[in-house]
All heavy atoms as atom14 arrays in JSON, in Angstrom:
{
  "sequence": "NTFHLIVKGNHLQHFINGVLMSDVTDNDTVNGKAKGMLGVQV",
  "atom14_mask": [
    [1, 1, 1, 1, 1, 1, 1, 1, 0, 0, 0, 0, 0, 0],
    [1, 1, 1, 1, 1, 1, 1, 0, 0, 0, 0, 0, 0, 0],
    [1, 1, 1, 1, 1, 1, 1, 1, 1, 1, 1, 0, 0, 0],
    [1, 1, 1, 1, 1, 1, 1, 1, 1, 1, 0, 0, 0, 0],
    [1, 1, 1, 1, 1, 1, 1, 1, 0, 0, 0, 0, 0, 0],
    [1, 1, 1, 1, 1, 1, 1, 1, 0, 0, 0, 0, 0, 0],
    [1, 1, 1, 1, 1, 1, 1, 0, 0, 0, 0, 0, 0, 0],
    [1, 1, 1, 1, 1, 1, 1, 1, 1, 0, 0, 0, 0, 0],
    [1, 1, 1, 1, 0, 0, 0, 0, 0, 0, 0, 0, 0, 0],
    [1, 1, 1, 1, 1, 1, 1, 1, 0, 0, 0, 0, 0, 0],
    [1, 1, 1, 1, 1, 1, 1, 1, 1, 1, 0, 0, 0, 0],
    [1, 1, 1, 1, 1, 1, 1, 1, 0, 0, 0, 0, 0, 0],
    [1, 1, 1, 1, 1, 1, 1, 1, 1, 0, 0, 0, 0, 0],
    [1, 1, 1, 1, 1, 1, 1, 1, 1, 1, 0, 0, 0, 0],
    [1, 1, 1, 1, 1, 1, 1, 1, 1, 1, 1, 0, 0, 0],
    [1, 1, 1, 1, 1, 1, 1, 1, 0, 0, 0, 0, 0, 0],
    [1, 1, 1, 1, 1, 1, 1, 1, 0, 0, 0, 0, 0, 0],
    [1, 1, 1, 1, 0, 0, 0, 0, 0, 0, 0, 0, 0, 0],
    [1, 1, 1, 1, 1, 1, 1, 0, 0, 0, 0, 0, 0, 0],
    [1, 1, 1, 1, 1, 1, 1, 1, 0, 0, 0, 0, 0, 0],
    [1, 1, 1, 1, 1, 1, 1, 1, 0, 0, 0, 0, 0, 0],
    [1, 1, 1, 1, 1, 1, 0, 0, 0, 0, 0, 0, 0, 0],
    [1, 1, 1, 1, 1, 1, 1, 1, 0, 0, 0, 0, 0, 0],
    [1, 1, 1, 1, 1, 1, 1, 0, 0, 0, 0, 0, 0, 0],
    [1, 1, 1, 1, 1, 1, 1, 0, 0, 0, 0, 0, 0, 0],
    [1, 1, 1, 1, 1, 1, 1, 1, 0, 0, 0, 0, 0, 0],
    [1, 1, 1, 1, 1, 1, 1, 1, 0, 0, 0, 0, 0, 0],
    [1, 1, 1, 1, 1, 1, 1, 1, 0, 0, 0, 0, 0, 0],
    [1, 1, 1, 1, 1, 1, 1, 0, 0, 0, 0, 0, 0, 0],
    [1, 1, 1, 1, 1, 1, 1, 0, 0, 0, 0, 0, 0, 0],
    [1, 1, 1, 1, 1, 1, 1, 1, 0, 0, 0, 0, 0, 0],
    [1, 1, 1, 1, 0, 0, 0, 0, 0, 0, 0, 0, 0, 0],
    [1, 1, 1, 1, 1, 1, 1, 1, 1, 0, 0, 0, 0, 0],
    [1, 1, 1, 1, 1, 0, 0, 0, 0, 0, 0, 0, 0, 0],
    [1, 1, 1, 1, 1, 1, 1, 1, 1, 0, 0, 0, 0, 0],
    [1, 1, 1, 1, 0, 0, 0, 0, 0, 0, 0, 0, 0, 0],
    [1, 1, 1, 1, 1, 1, 1, 1, 0, 0, 0, 0, 0, 0],
    [1, 1, 1, 1, 1, 1, 1, 1, 0, 0, 0, 0, 0, 0],
    [1, 1, 1, 1, 0, 0, 0, 0, 0, 0, 0, 0, 0, 0],
    [1, 1, 1, 1, 1, 1, 1, 0, 0, 0, 0, 0, 0, 0],
    [1, 1, 1, 1, 1, 1, 1, 1, 1, 0, 0, 0, 0, 0],
    [1, 1, 1, 1, 1, 1, 1, 0, 0, 0, 0, 0, 0, 0]
  ],
  "atom14_positions": [
    [[-12.28, -13.2, 1.77], [-11.34, -12.58, 2.71], [-11.5, -11.07, 2.64], [-11.89, -10.53, 1.6], [-9.89, -12.91, 2.32], [-9.58, -14.39, 2.38], [-9.17, -14.9, 3.41], [-9.76, -15.09, 1.26], [0.0, 0.0, 0.0], [0.0, 0.0, 0.0], [0.0, 0.0, 0.0], [0.0, 0.0, 0.0], [0.0, 0.0, 0.0], [0.0, 0.0, 0.0]],
    [[-11.19, -10.39, 3.72], [-11.2, -8.92, 3.69], [-9.79, -8.4, 3.43], [-8.8, -9.04, 3.8], [-11.71, -8.33, 5.02], [-10.78, -8.62, 6.07], [-13.08, -8.87, 5.38], [0.0, 0.0, 0.0], [0.0, 0.0, 0.0], [0.0, 0.0, 0.0], [0.0, 0.0, 0.0], [0.0, 0.0, 0.0], [0.0, 0.0, 0.0], [0.0, 0.0, 0.0]],
    [[-9.73, -7.25, 2.77], [-8.45, -6.54, 2.64], [-8.64, -5.12, 3.14], [-9.75, -4.57, 3.14], [-7.95, -6.54, 1.19], [-8.76, -5.67, 0.25], [-8.5, -4.31, 0.12], [-9.8, -6.22, -0.5], [-9.25, -3.51, -0.73], [-10.56, -5.43, -1.35], [-10.28, -4.07, -1.46], [0.0, 0.0, 0.0], [0.0, 0.0, 0.0], [0.0, 0.0, 0.0]],
    [[-7.56, -4.51, 3.59], [-7.57, -3.13, 4.05], [-6.18, -2.56, 3.76], [-5.18, -3.04, 4.32], [-7.87, -3.08, 5.55], [-8.09, -1.7, 6.1], [-8.38, -1.46, 7.42], [-8.08, -0.48, 5.5], [-8.53, -0.16, 7.62], [-8.35, 0.45, 6.46], [0.0, 0.0, 0.0], [0.0, 0.0, 0.0], [0.0, 0.0, 0.0], [0.0, 0.0, 0.0]],
    [[-6.13, -1.6, 2.87], [-4.87, -0.92, 2.54], [-4.86, 0.43, 3.24], [-5.84, 1.19, 3.12], [-4.72, -0.72, 1.04], [-4.97, -1.93, 0.13], [-4.68, -1.57, -1.32], [-4.17, -3.13, 0.57], [0.0, 0.0, 0.0], [0.0, 0.0, 0.0], [0.0, 0.0, 0.0], [0.0, 0.0, 0.0], [0.0, 0.0, 0.0], [0.0, 0.0, 0.0]],
    [[-3.79, 0.72, 3.96], [-3.62, 2.03, 4.58], [-2.36, 2.66, 3.99], [-1.25, 2.15, 4.17], [-3.51, 1.93, 6.12], [-4.77, 1.27, 6.7], [-3.32, 3.31, 6.73], [-4.74, 1.09, 8.21], [0.0, 0.0, 0.0], [0.0, 0.0, 0.0], [0.0, 0.0, 0.0], [0.0, 0.0, 0.0], [0.0, 0.0, 0.0], [0.0, 0.0, 0.0]],
    [[-2.56, 3.75, 3.24], [-1.49, 4.38, 2.47], [-1.42, 5.84, 2.87], [-2.31, 6.63, 2.54], [-1.77, 4.22, 0.96], [-0.7, 4.92, 0.14], [-1.85, 2.74, 0.59], [0.0, 0.0, 0.0], [0.0, 0.0, 0.0], [0.0, 0.0, 0.0], [0.0, 0.0, 0.0], [0.0, 0.0, 0.0], [0.0, 0.0, 0.0], [0.0, 0.0, 0.0]],
    [[-0.38, 6.2, 3.62], [-0.21, 7.57, 4.1], [1.22, 8.01, 3.85], [2.17, 7.39, 4.36], [-0.51, 7.66, 5.6], [-1.94, 7.32, 5.98], [-2.13, 7.41, 7.49], [-3.55, 7.03, 7.9], [-3.73, 7.08, 9.38], [0.0, 0.0, 0.0], [0.0, 0.0, 0.0], [0.0, 0.0, 0.0], [0.0, 0.0, 0.0], [0.0, 0.0, 0.0]],
    [[1.38, 9.06, 3.05], [2.74, 9.51, 2.73], [3.5, 8.38, 2.05], [3.03, 7.78, 1.09], [0.0, 0.0, 0.0], [0.0, 0.0, 0.0], [0.0, 0.0, 0.0], [0.0, 0.0, 0.0], [0.0, 0.0, 0.0], [0.0, 0.0, 0.0], [0.0, 0.0, 0.0], [0.0, 0.0, 0.0], [0.0, 0.0, 0.0], [0.0, 0.0, 0.0]],
    [[4.67, 8.05, 2.6], [5.46, 6.97, 2.01], [5.33, 5.67, 2.79], [6.16, 4.76, 2.67], [6.93, 7.38, 1.91], [7.58, 7.59, 3.27], [6.9, 7.7, 4.29], [8.9, 7.66, 3.28], [0.0, 0.0, 0.0], [0.0, 0.0, 0.0], [0.0, 0.0, 0.0], [0.0, 0.0, 0.0], [0.0, 0.0, 0.0], [0.0, 0.0, 0.0]],
    [[4.28, 5.57, 3.61], [4.06, 4.39, 4.45], [2.9, 3.59, 3.88], [1.78, 4.1, 3.79], [3.78, 4.83, 5.89], [3.82, 3.71, 6.88], [3.22, 3.8, 8.12], [4.39, 2.47, 6.83], [3.43, 2.67, 8.78], [4.12, 1.85, 8.02], [0.0, 0.0, 0.0], [0.0, 0.0, 0.0], [0.0, 0.0, 0.0], [0.0, 0.0, 0.0]],
    [[3.16, 2.33, 3.51], [2.21, 1.5, 2.79], [1.97, 0.21, 3.57], [2.89, -0.59, 3.76], [2.75, 1.15, 1.4], [3.49, 2.27, 0.64], [4.17, 1.72, -0.6], [2.54, 3.4, 0.29], [0.0, 0.0, 0.0], [0.0, 0.0, 0.0], [0.0, 0.0, 0.0], [0.0, 0.0, 0.0], [0.0, 0.0, 0.0], [0.0, 0.0, 0.0]],
    [[0.74, 0.01, 4.04], [0.42, -1.17, 4.85], [-0.7, -1.97, 4.2], [-1.72, -1.41, 3.79], [0.0, -0.75, 6.26], [1.11, -0.08, 7.07], [0.62, 0.33, 8.44], [-0.34, 1.11, 8.56], [1.25, -0.2, 9.49], [0.0, 0.0, 0.0], [0.0, 0.0, 0.0], [0.0, 0.0, 0.0], [0.0, 0.0, 0.0], [0.0, 0.0, 0.0]],
    [[-0.52, -3.29, 4.15], [-1.5, -4.21, 3.58], [-2.0, -5.16, 4.67], [-1.21, -5.92, 5.24], [-0.87, -5.05, 2.46], [-0.36, -4.27, 1.3], [0.4, -4.83, 0.29], [-0.5, -2.95, 0.97], [0.7, -3.91, -0.61], [0.17, -2.76, -0.2], [0.0, 0.0, 0.0], [0.0, 0.0, 0.0], [0.0, 0.0, 0.0], [0.0, 0.0, 0.0]],
    [[-3.31, -5.13, 4.94], [-3.93, -6.02, 5.91], [-4.84, -7.01, 5.18], [-5.57, -6.64, 4.26], [-4.8, -5.24, 6.9], [-4.05, -4.29, 7.81], [-3.65, -3.04, 7.37], [-3.78, -4.65, 9.12], [-2.98, -2.15, 8.2], [-3.11, -3.77, 9.97], [-2.71, -2.52, 9.51], [0.0, 0.0, 0.0], [0.0, 0.0, 0.0], [0.0, 0.0, 0.0]],
    [[-4.82, -8.27, 5.6], [-5.76, -9.29, 5.14], [-6.46, -9.86, 6.37], [-5.8, -10.28, 7.32], [-5.07, -10.43, 4.36], [-4.27, -9.88, 3.17], [-6.1, -11.46, 3.89], [-5.08, -9.28, 2.05], [0.0, 0.0, 0.0], [0.0, 0.0, 0.0], [0.0, 0.0, 0.0], [0.0, 0.0, 0.0], [0.0, 0.0, 0.0], [0.0, 0.0, 0.0]],
    [[-7.79, -9.85, 6.34], [-8.58, -10.34, 7.48], [-8.13, -9.71, 8.8], [-8.07, -10.38, 9.85], [-8.53, -11.87, 7.54], [-9.21, -12.52, 6.35], [-10.19, -12.0, 5.83], [-8.68, -13.65, 5.9], [0.0, 0.0, 0.0], [0.0, 0.0, 0.0], [0.0, 0.0, 0.0], [0.0, 0.0, 0.0], [0.0, 0.0, 0.0], [0.0, 0.0, 0.0]],
    [[-7.82, -8.41, 8.73], [-7.46, -7.66, 9.92], [-6.03, -7.84, 10.39], [-5.63, -7.26, 11.41], [0.0, 0.0, 0.0], [0.0, 0.0, 0.0], [0.0, 0.0, 0.0], [0.0, 0.0, 0.0], [0.0, 0.0, 0.0], [0.0, 0.0, 0.0], [0.0, 0.0, 0.0], [0.0, 0.0, 0.0], [0.0, 0.0, 0.0], [0.0, 0.0, 0.0]],
    [[-5.23, -8.63, 9.67], [-3.85, -8.93, 10.07], [-2.88, -8.2, 9.14], [-3.0, -8.32, 7.91], [-3.59, -10.44, 10.04], [-2.14, -10.74, 10.44], [-4.56, -11.17, 10.95], [0.0, 0.0, 0.0], [0.0, 0.0, 0.0], [0.0, 0.0, 0.0], [0.0, 0.0, 0.0], [0.0, 0.0, 0.0], [0.0, 0.0, 0.0], [0.0, 0.0, 0.0]],
    [[-1.92, -7.47, 9.71], [-0.93, -6.76, 8.9], [0.01, -7.76, 8.25], [0.68, -8.54, 8.93], [-0.14, -5.78, 9.78], [0.92, -4.92, 9.07], [0.3, -4.07, 7.97], [1.64, -4.03, 10.09], [0.0, 0.0, 0.0], [0.0, 0.0, 0.0], [0.0, 0.0, 0.0], [0.0, 0.0, 0.0], [0.0, 0.0, 0.0], [0.0, 0.0, 0.0]],
    [[0.06, -7.75, 6.91], [0.83, -8.73, 6.15], [2.15, -8.17, 5.61], [3.12, -8.91, 5.45], [-0.01, -9.24, 4.97], [-1.27, -9.97, 5.39], [-0.9, -11.65, 5.93], [-2.47, -12.17, 6.63], [0.0, 0.0, 0.0], [0.0, 0.0, 0.0], [0.0, 0.0, 0.0], [0.0, 0.0, 0.0], [0.0, 0.0, 0.0], [0.0, 0.0, 0.0]],
    [[2.18, -6.88, 5.3], [3.42, -6.25, 4.84], [3.36, -4.77, 5.18], [2.28, -4.17, 5.27], [3.64, -6.45, 3.33], [2.63, -5.82, 2.57], [0.0, 0.0, 0.0], [0.0, 0.0, 0.0], [0.0, 0.0, 0.0], [0.0, 0.0, 0.0], [0.0, 0.0, 0.0], [0.0, 0.0, 0.0], [0.0, 0.0, 0.0], [0.0, 0.0, 0.0]],
    [[4.56, -4.19, 5.37], [4.66, -2.8, 5.82], [5.9, -2.19, 5.16], [7.03, -2.62, 5.42], [4.8, -2.78, 7.35], [4.74, -1.39, 7.96], [5.48, -0.51, 7.47], [3.99, -1.2, 8.92], [0.0, 0.0, 0.0], [0.0, 0.0, 0.0], [0.0, 0.0, 0.0], [0.0, 0.0, 0.0], [0.0, 0.0, 0.0], [0.0, 0.0, 0.0]],
    [[5.68, -1.22, 4.28], [6.77, -0.62, 3.51], [6.85, 0.88, 3.8], [5.85, 1.59, 3.78], [6.55, -0.82, 1.99], [7.59, -0.05, 1.17], [6.58, -2.3, 1.63], [0.0, 0.0, 0.0], [0.0, 0.0, 0.0], [0.0, 0.0, 0.0], [0.0, 0.0, 0.0], [0.0, 0.0, 0.0], [0.0, 0.0, 0.0], [0.0, 0.0, 0.0]],
    [[8.07, 1.34, 4.05], [8.36, 2.77, 4.07], [9.24, 3.04, 2.86], [10.37, 2.55, 2.77], [9.09, 3.18, 5.36], [8.25, 2.89, 6.48], [9.41, 4.67, 5.36], [0.0, 0.0, 0.0], [0.0, 0.0, 0.0], [0.0, 0.0, 0.0], [0.0, 0.0, 0.0], [0.0, 0.0, 0.0], [0.0, 0.0, 0.0], [0.0, 0.0, 0.0]],
    [[8.7, 3.79, 1.9], [9.36, 3.99, 0.62], [10.0, 5.38, 0.56], [9.32, 6.39, 0.35], [8.36, 3.82, -0.52], [9.03, 3.74, -1.88], [10.27, 3.86, -1.95], [8.31, 3.55, -2.88], [0.0, 0.0, 0.0], [0.0, 0.0, 0.0], [0.0, 0.0, 0.0], [0.0, 0.0, 0.0], [0.0, 0.0, 0.0], [0.0, 0.0, 0.0]],
    [[11.32, 5.42, 0.71], [12.06, 6.67, 0.64], [12.61, 6.96, -0.75], [13.37, 7.91, -0.93], [13.22, 6.66, 1.66], [12.73, 6.62, 3.09], [11.74, 7.26, 3.43], [13.41, 5.87, 3.94], [0.0, 0.0, 0.0], [0.0, 0.0, 0.0], [0.0, 0.0, 0.0], [0.0, 0.0, 0.0], [0.0, 0.0, 0.0], [0.0, 0.0, 0.0]],
    [[12.22, 6.16, -1.72], [12.66, 6.33, -3.11], [11.69, 7.26, -3.83], [10.65, 6.83, -4.34], [12.71, 4.95, -3.78], [13.15, 4.99, -5.23], [13.31, 6.09, -5.78], [13.31, 3.9, -5.81], [0.0, 0.0, 0.0], [0.0, 0.0, 0.0], [0.0, 0.0, 0.0], [0.0, 0.0, 0.0], [0.0, 0.0, 0.0], [0.0, 0.0, 0.0]],
    [[12.04, 8.53, -3.88], [11.16, 9.51, -4.51], [11.27, 9.51, -6.03], [10.45, 10.11, -6.72], [11.46, 10.93, -3.98], [12.83, 11.23, -4.22], [11.17, 11.02, -2.49], [0.0, 0.0, 0.0], [0.0, 0.0, 0.0], [0.0, 0.0, 0.0], [0.0, 0.0, 0.0], [0.0, 0.0, 0.0], [0.0, 0.0, 0.0], [0.0, 0.0, 0.0]],
    [[12.28, 8.82, -6.57], [12.43, 8.73, -8.02], [11.44, 7.72, -8.59], [10.72, 7.99, -9.55], [13.88, 8.34, -8.4], [13.99, 8.11, -9.92], [14.86, 9.41, -7.95], [0.0, 0.0, 0.0], [0.0, 0.0, 0.0], [0.0, 0.0, 0.0], [0.0, 0.0, 0.0], [0.0, 0.0, 0.0], [0.0, 0.0, 0.0], [0.0, 0.0, 0.0]],
    [[11.37, 6.55, -7.98], [10.51, 5.48, -8.49], [9.16, 5.4, -7.79], [8.19, 4.95, -8.38], [11.24, 4.15, -8.35], [12.46, 4.07, -9.24], [12.35, 4.18, -10.45], [13.63, 3.9, -8.64], [0.0, 0.0, 0.0], [0.0, 0.0, 0.0], [0.0, 0.0, 0.0], [0.0, 0.0, 0.0], [0.0, 0.0, 0.0], [0.0, 0.0, 0.0]],
    [[9.09, 5.81, -6.54], [7.83, 5.8, -5.82], [6.9, 6.89, -6.31], [7.32, 7.84, -6.97], [0.0, 0.0, 0.0], [0.0, 0.0, 0.0], [0.0, 0.0, 0.0], [0.0, 0.0, 0.0], [0.0, 0.0, 0.0], [0.0, 0.0, 0.0], [0.0, 0.0, 0.0], [0.0, 0.0, 0.0], [0.0, 0.0, 0.0], [0.0, 0.0, 0.0]],
    [[5.62, 6.76, -5.99], [4.64, 7.76, -6.4], [3.79, 8.18, -5.21], [3.45, 7.37, -4.34], [3.73, 7.22, -7.5], [4.4, 7.14, -8.87], [3.36, 7.12, -9.97], [2.62, 8.45, -10.07], [1.56, 8.44, -11.08], [0.0, 0.0, 0.0], [0.0, 0.0, 0.0], [0.0, 0.0, 0.0], [0.0, 0.0, 0.0], [0.0, 0.0, 0.0]],
    [[3.41, 9.46, -5.22], [2.6, 10.0, -4.12], [1.11, 9.92, -4.41], [0.29, 10.1, -3.5], [2.99, 11.46, -3.85], [0.0, 0.0, 0.0], [0.0, 0.0, 0.0], [0.0, 0.0, 0.0], [0.0, 0.0, 0.0], [0.0, 0.0, 0.0], [0.0, 0.0, 0.0], [0.0, 0.0, 0.0], [0.0, 0.0, 0.0], [0.0, 0.0, 0.0]],
    [[0.73, 9.65, -5.65], [-0.68, 9.49, -6.01], [-0.75, 8.74, -7.33], [0.25, 8.6, -8.04], [-1.39, 10.84, -6.12], [-0.93, 11.69, -7.29], [-1.77, 12.94, -7.41], [-1.38, 13.74, -8.66], [-2.26, 14.93, -8.84], [0.0, 0.0, 0.0], [0.0, 0.0, 0.0], [0.0, 0.0, 0.0], [0.0, 0.0, 0.0], [0.0, 0.0, 0.0]],
    [[-1.95, 8.26, -7.67], [-2.09, 7.57, -8.94], [-3.36, 6.76, -9.01], [-4.23, 6.83, -8.14], [0.0, 0.0, 0.0], [0.0, 0.0, 0.0], [0.0, 0.0, 0.0], [0.0, 0.0, 0.0], [0.0, 0.0, 0.0], [0.0, 0.0, 0.0], [0.0, 0.0, 0.0], [0.0, 0.0, 0.0], [0.0, 0.0, 0.0], [0.0, 0.0, 0.0]],
    [[-3.47, 5.99, -10.06], [-4.69, 5.25, -10.36], [-4.84, 4.02, -9.48], [-3.87, 3.46, -8.97], [-4.72, 4.85, -11.83], [-4.85, 6.02, -12.77], [-4.94, 5.5, -14.49], [-5.39, 7.06, -15.27], [0.0, 0.0, 0.0], [0.0, 0.0, 0.0], [0.0, 0.0, 0.0], [0.0, 0.0, 0.0], [0.0, 0.0, 0.0], [0.0, 0.0, 0.0]],
    [[-6.1, 3.59, -9.37], [-6.5, 2.44, -8.57], [-7.16, 1.43, -9.51], [-7.97, 1.81, -10.35], [-7.48, 2.9, -7.51], [-7.97, 1.94, -6.44], [-6.85, 1.59, -5.48], [-9.13, 2.59, -5.67], [0.0, 0.0, 0.0], [0.0, 0.0, 0.0], [0.0, 0.0, 0.0], [0.0, 0.0, 0.0], [0.0, 0.0, 0.0], [0.0, 0.0, 0.0]],
    [[-6.81, 0.16, -9.36], [-7.44, -0.86, -10.19], [-7.16, -2.25, -9.67], [-6.34, -2.44, -8.78], [0.0, 0.0, 0.0], [0.0, 0.0, 0.0], [0.0, 0.0, 0.0], [0.0, 0.0, 0.0], [0.0, 0.0, 0.0], [0.0, 0.0, 0.0], [0.0, 0.0, 0.0], [0.0, 0.0, 0.0], [0.0, 0.0, 0.0], [0.0, 0.0, 0.0]],
    [[-7.87, -3.24, -10.24], [-7.65, -4.64, -9.86], [-7.35, -5.45, -11.12], [-7.73, -5.08, -12.22], [-8.84, -5.23, -9.08], [-8.96, -4.55, -7.73], [-10.15, -5.1, -9.84], [0.0, 0.0, 0.0], [0.0, 0.0, 0.0], [0.0, 0.0, 0.0], [0.0, 0.0, 0.0], [0.0, 0.0, 0.0], [0.0, 0.0, 0.0], [0.0, 0.0, 0.0]],
    [[-6.68, -6.58, -10.92], [-5.99, -7.28, -12.0], [-6.48, -8.71, -12.23], [-6.86, -9.41, -11.29], [-4.5, -7.32, -11.64], [-3.59, -8.08, -12.57], [-2.26, -8.4, -11.91], [-2.19, -9.16, -10.96], [-1.21, -7.79, -12.41], [0.0, 0.0, 0.0], [0.0, 0.0, 0.0], [0.0, 0.0, 0.0], [0.0, 0.0, 0.0], [0.0, 0.0, 0.0]],
    [[-6.45, -9.12, -13.5], [-6.37, -10.54, -13.85], [-5.0, -10.74, -14.5], [-4.56, -9.92, -15.31], [-7.51, -11.02, -14.79], [-8.79, -11.22, -14.01], [-7.73, -10.07, -15.96], [0.0, 0.0, 0.0], [0.0, 0.0, 0.0], [0.0, 0.0, 0.0], [0.0, 0.0, 0.0], [0.0, 0.0, 0.0], [0.0, 0.0, 0.0], [0.0, 0.0, 0.0]]
  ]
}
């Protein structure tokens, strides 16, 4: 499957196979982050 993450400011979009699956606008500046590390998980 393909994934495509579009992350701009506090707007976070997750696409799978070209289809938007979730869309978050994060106005929580205490817990949210504007930058950080990238990685994949087991």
